[in-house]
Amino acid sequence: MIKGVNHQVVEVNDTQCPYFERILFFVNPEYAAVSEGKLRERAGQIAARASGVPPTRVRRTHVKEIALALAAAAVGALLTVLLTLR
């Protein structure tokens, strides 16, 4: 734990997340008396929850592409049926 003039800071170096190499937690002054072990434990829990890879917009793009491909296939099938009936 890093003690500054105005704040106490808990630094988590093992974030288990590819996006972040470390996380800094600024301790509220009313909890400055809590033991360093408890603060580190709680900071580790929060960092572990935040370590998941966030969802991307790739899924939405794939859904749009699939819908467009299906619509194009349906139009093609409809045109084929209409042209073979003549």
N, C-alpha and C. Protein backbone atom coordinates (compact mmCIF):
# COMPACT_ATOMS: atom_id res chain seq x y z
N MET A 1 0.86 -1.18 0.00
CA MET A 1 0.00 0.00 0.00
C MET A 1 0.90 1.23 0.00
N ILE A 2 0.52 2.19 -0.79
CA ILE A 2 1.27 3.44 -0.91
C ILE A 2 0.55 4.49 -0.06
N LYS A 3 1.29 5.15 0.83
CA LYS A 3 0.68 6.19 1.65
C LYS A 3 1.16 7.54 1.14
N GLY A 4 0.22 8.36 0.75
CA GLY A 4 0.55 9.71 0.29
C GLY A 4 0.21 10.72 1.35
N VAL A 5 0.31 11.95 1.01
CA VAL A 5 0.01 13.02 1.94
C VAL A 5 -1.49 13.08 2.20
N ASN A 6 -2.29 12.96 1.14
CA ASN A 6 -3.74 13.11 1.28
C ASN A 6 -4.51 11.80 1.14
N HIS A 7 -3.92 10.80 0.53
CA HIS A 7 -4.65 9.55 0.25
C HIS A 7 -3.78 8.34 0.51
N GLN A 8 -4.46 7.23 0.78
CA GLN A 8 -3.81 5.93 0.77
C GLN A 8 -4.22 5.26 -0.53
N VAL A 9 -3.28 4.59 -1.16
CA VAL A 9 -3.54 3.96 -2.45
C VAL A 9 -3.14 2.50 -2.37
N VAL A 10 -4.02 1.63 -2.88
CA VAL A 10 -3.71 0.21 -3.00
C VAL A 10 -3.46 -0.06 -4.47
N GLU A 11 -2.30 -0.63 -4.77
CA GLU A 11 -1.92 -0.92 -6.15
C GLU A 11 -2.00 -2.42 -6.38
N VAL A 12 -2.73 -2.82 -7.42
CA VAL A 12 -2.84 -4.22 -7.80
C VAL A 12 -2.04 -4.39 -9.09
N ASN A 13 -0.96 -5.18 -9.02
CA ASN A 13 -0.10 -5.38 -10.19
C ASN A 13 -0.53 -6.58 -11.03
N ASP A 14 -1.09 -7.59 -10.40
CA ASP A 14 -1.53 -8.80 -11.13
C ASP A 14 -3.02 -8.65 -11.43
N THR A 15 -3.35 -8.04 -12.55
CA THR A 15 -4.75 -7.76 -12.88
C THR A 15 -5.43 -8.93 -13.60
N GLN A 16 -4.66 -9.88 -14.12
CA GLN A 16 -5.19 -11.02 -14.87
C GLN A 16 -6.04 -10.56 -16.05
N CYS A 17 -5.71 -9.42 -16.60
CA CYS A 17 -6.45 -8.85 -17.71
C CYS A 17 -5.45 -8.35 -18.75
N PRO A 18 -5.65 -8.69 -20.02
CA PRO A 18 -4.69 -8.25 -21.02
C PRO A 18 -4.70 -6.75 -21.27
N TYR A 19 -5.75 -6.06 -20.87
CA TYR A 19 -5.87 -4.64 -21.13
C TYR A 19 -5.13 -3.77 -20.12
N PHE A 20 -5.01 -4.24 -18.88
CA PHE A 20 -4.45 -3.41 -17.82
C PHE A 20 -3.26 -4.11 -17.17
N GLU A 21 -2.18 -3.35 -16.97
CA GLU A 21 -1.03 -3.93 -16.30
C GLU A 21 -1.06 -3.70 -14.79
N ARG A 22 -1.75 -2.66 -14.35
CA ARG A 22 -1.93 -2.44 -12.91
C ARG A 22 -3.15 -1.56 -12.68
N ILE A 23 -3.71 -1.67 -11.48
CA ILE A 23 -4.89 -0.89 -11.10
C ILE A 23 -4.58 -0.19 -9.78
N LEU A 24 -4.93 1.08 -9.69
CA LEU A 24 -4.74 1.84 -8.46
C LEU A 24 -6.10 2.11 -7.82
N PHE A 25 -6.22 1.80 -6.54
CA PHE A 25 -7.43 2.06 -5.76
C PHE A 25 -7.11 3.12 -4.72
N PHE A 26 -7.87 4.20 -4.73
CA PHE A 26 -7.71 5.26 -3.74
C PHE A 26 -8.66 4.98 -2.59
N VAL A 27 -8.11 4.84 -1.39
CA VAL A 27 -8.89 4.47 -0.20
C VAL A 27 -9.58 5.71 0.36
N ASN A 28 -10.88 5.56 0.66
CA ASN A 28 -11.61 6.65 1.30
C ASN A 28 -11.00 6.91 2.68
N PRO A 29 -10.90 8.18 3.07
CA PRO A 29 -10.28 8.50 4.36
C PRO A 29 -10.94 7.82 5.55
N GLU A 30 -12.26 7.57 5.48
CA GLU A 30 -12.92 6.94 6.63
C GLU A 30 -12.54 5.46 6.79
N TYR A 31 -11.94 4.86 5.74
CA TYR A 31 -11.52 3.46 5.82
C TYR A 31 -10.00 3.34 5.89
N ALA A 32 -9.32 4.41 6.18
CA ALA A 32 -7.86 4.38 6.26
C ALA A 32 -7.37 3.51 7.41
N ALA A 33 -8.19 3.31 8.42
CA ALA A 33 -7.79 2.51 9.58
C ALA A 33 -7.95 1.01 9.34
N VAL A 34 -8.59 0.60 8.25
CA VAL A 34 -8.77 -0.81 7.94
C VAL A 34 -7.41 -1.40 7.61
N SER A 35 -7.22 -2.66 7.98
CA SER A 35 -5.91 -3.28 7.78
C SER A 35 -5.55 -3.37 6.30
N GLU A 36 -4.26 -3.34 6.04
CA GLU A 36 -3.77 -3.39 4.66
C GLU A 36 -4.17 -4.71 3.99
N GLY A 37 -4.18 -5.78 4.76
CA GLY A 37 -4.57 -7.09 4.21
C GLY A 37 -5.98 -7.09 3.69
N LYS A 38 -6.91 -6.53 4.47
CA LYS A 38 -8.31 -6.48 4.04
C LYS A 38 -8.47 -5.60 2.80
N LEU A 39 -7.77 -4.47 2.80
CA LEU A 39 -7.86 -3.58 1.64
C LEU A 39 -7.31 -4.26 0.38
N ARG A 40 -6.18 -4.95 0.52
CA ARG A 40 -5.61 -5.65 -0.63
C ARG A 40 -6.52 -6.78 -1.11
N GLU A 41 -7.12 -7.49 -0.16
CA GLU A 41 -8.02 -8.59 -0.51
C GLU A 41 -9.23 -8.07 -1.29
N ARG A 42 -9.83 -7.00 -0.79
CA ARG A 42 -11.00 -6.42 -1.46
C ARG A 42 -10.62 -5.85 -2.84
N ALA A 43 -9.47 -5.20 -2.92
CA ALA A 43 -9.01 -4.67 -4.21
C ALA A 43 -8.77 -5.80 -5.19
N GLY A 44 -8.22 -6.92 -4.72
CA GLY A 44 -8.00 -8.08 -5.59
C GLY A 44 -9.31 -8.66 -6.10
N GLN A 45 -10.34 -8.70 -5.22
CA GLN A 45 -11.65 -9.20 -5.65
C GLN A 45 -12.25 -8.32 -6.74
N ILE A 46 -12.16 -7.02 -6.56
CA ILE A 46 -12.71 -6.09 -7.55
C ILE A 46 -11.93 -6.20 -8.86
N ALA A 47 -10.61 -6.31 -8.77
CA ALA A 47 -9.80 -6.43 -9.98
C ALA A 47 -10.11 -7.73 -10.72
N ALA A 48 -10.36 -8.80 -9.98
CA ALA A 48 -10.69 -10.08 -10.62
C ALA A 48 -12.02 -10.00 -11.37
N ARG A 49 -12.99 -9.28 -10.80
CA ARG A 49 -14.29 -9.13 -11.48
C ARG A 49 -14.14 -8.31 -12.76
N ALA A 50 -13.23 -7.38 -12.76
CA ALA A 50 -13.05 -6.49 -13.91
C ALA A 50 -12.10 -7.08 -14.95
N SER A 51 -11.58 -8.28 -14.72
CA SER A 51 -10.56 -8.82 -15.61
C SER A 51 -11.11 -9.46 -16.86
N GLY A 52 -12.41 -9.65 -16.96
CA GLY A 52 -12.97 -10.25 -18.14
C GLY A 52 -12.83 -9.37 -19.37
N VAL A 53 -12.70 -10.01 -20.51
CA VAL A 53 -12.59 -9.26 -21.76
C VAL A 53 -13.96 -8.71 -22.11
N PRO A 54 -14.07 -7.42 -22.33
CA PRO A 54 -15.37 -6.83 -22.61
C PRO A 54 -15.91 -7.30 -23.97
N PRO A 55 -17.23 -7.41 -24.08
CA PRO A 55 -17.80 -7.81 -25.36
C PRO A 55 -17.53 -6.76 -26.42
N THR A 56 -17.37 -7.21 -27.63
CA THR A 56 -17.09 -6.28 -28.71
C THR A 56 -18.30 -6.17 -29.63
N ARG A 57 -18.22 -5.28 -30.57
CA ARG A 57 -19.32 -5.07 -31.50
C ARG A 57 -19.23 -6.01 -32.70
N VAL A 58 -18.29 -6.92 -32.67
CA VAL A 58 -18.13 -7.86 -33.78
C VAL A 58 -19.38 -8.71 -33.93
N ARG A 59 -19.98 -9.10 -32.83
CA ARG A 59 -21.18 -9.93 -32.88
C ARG A 59 -22.29 -9.24 -33.66
N ARG A 60 -22.50 -7.96 -33.39
CA ARG A 60 -23.55 -7.23 -34.09
C ARG A 60 -23.26 -7.17 -35.59
N THR A 61 -22.01 -6.99 -35.92
CA THR A 61 -21.63 -6.94 -37.33
C THR A 61 -21.92 -8.28 -38.00
N HIS A 62 -21.60 -9.37 -37.32
CA HIS A 62 -21.86 -10.68 -37.90
C HIS A 62 -23.36 -10.92 -38.07
N VAL A 63 -24.15 -10.48 -37.14
CA VAL A 63 -25.60 -10.66 -37.23
C VAL A 63 -26.14 -9.91 -38.44
N LYS A 64 -25.68 -8.70 -38.65
CA LYS A 64 -26.12 -7.91 -39.80
C LYS A 64 -25.69 -8.58 -41.10
N GLU A 65 -24.45 -9.06 -41.16
CA GLU A 65 -23.96 -9.72 -42.36
C GLU A 65 -24.75 -10.99 -42.67
N ILE A 66 -25.05 -11.76 -41.65
CA ILE A 66 -25.82 -12.99 -41.84
C ILE A 66 -27.23 -12.66 -42.31
N ALA A 67 -27.85 -11.65 -41.72
CA ALA A 67 -29.20 -11.27 -42.12
C ALA A 67 -29.23 -10.79 -43.57
N LEU A 68 -28.23 -10.02 -43.97
CA LEU A 68 -28.16 -9.56 -45.35
C LEU A 68 -27.94 -10.72 -46.32
N ALA A 69 -27.10 -11.66 -45.95
CA ALA A 69 -26.85 -12.82 -46.80
C ALA A 69 -28.11 -13.67 -46.95
N LEU A 70 -28.84 -13.87 -45.86
CA LEU A 70 -30.09 -14.63 -45.93
C LEU A 70 -31.13 -13.91 -46.78
N ALA A 71 -31.21 -12.60 -46.64
CA ALA A 71 -32.16 -11.83 -47.45
C ALA A 71 -31.79 -11.91 -48.92
N ALA A 72 -30.51 -11.82 -49.25
CA ALA A 72 -30.08 -11.93 -50.64
C ALA A 72 -30.37 -13.32 -51.18
N ALA A 73 -30.17 -14.36 -50.38
CA ALA A 73 -30.47 -15.72 -50.82
C ALA A 73 -31.96 -15.90 -51.05
N ALA A 74 -32.77 -15.31 -50.20
CA ALA A 74 -34.23 -15.42 -50.36
C ALA A 74 -34.68 -14.70 -51.63
N VAL A 75 -34.14 -13.54 -51.91
CA VAL A 75 -34.48 -12.81 -53.13
C VAL A 75 -34.03 -13.61 -54.35
N GLY A 76 -32.85 -14.18 -54.30
CA GLY A 76 -32.35 -15.00 -55.40
C GLY A 76 -33.22 -16.21 -55.64
N ALA A 77 -33.64 -16.88 -54.56
CA ALA A 77 -34.52 -18.04 -54.70
C ALA A 77 -35.87 -17.63 -55.28
N LEU A 78 -36.40 -16.51 -54.83
CA LEU A 78 -37.68 -16.03 -55.35
C LEU A 78 -37.58 -15.71 -56.83
N LEU A 79 -36.51 -15.04 -57.24
CA LEU A 79 -36.31 -14.74 -58.66
C LEU A 79 -36.17 -16.01 -59.49
N THR A 80 -35.47 -16.99 -58.96
CA THR A 80 -35.32 -18.25 -59.67
C THR A 80 -36.66 -18.93 -59.87
N VAL A 81 -37.47 -18.95 -58.84
CA VAL A 81 -38.80 -19.58 -58.94
C VAL A 81 -39.65 -18.82 -59.94
N LEU A 82 -39.65 -17.51 -59.89
CA LEU A 82 -40.46 -16.71 -60.82
C LEU A 82 -40.00 -16.87 -62.26
N LEU A 83 -38.71 -16.96 -62.50
CA LEU A 83 -38.21 -17.11 -63.85
C LEU A 83 -38.44 -18.51 -64.42
N THR A 84 -38.44 -19.52 -63.57
CA THR A 84 -38.67 -20.88 -64.06
C THR A 84 -40.15 -21.14 -64.31
N LEU A 85 -41.03 -20.38 -63.72
CA LEU A 85 -42.46 -20.57 -63.93
C LEU A 85 -42.92 -20.02 -65.29
N ARG A 86 -42.21 -19.12 -65.89
CA ARG A 86 -42.61 -18.51 -67.17
C ARG A 86 -42.35 -19.41 -68.28
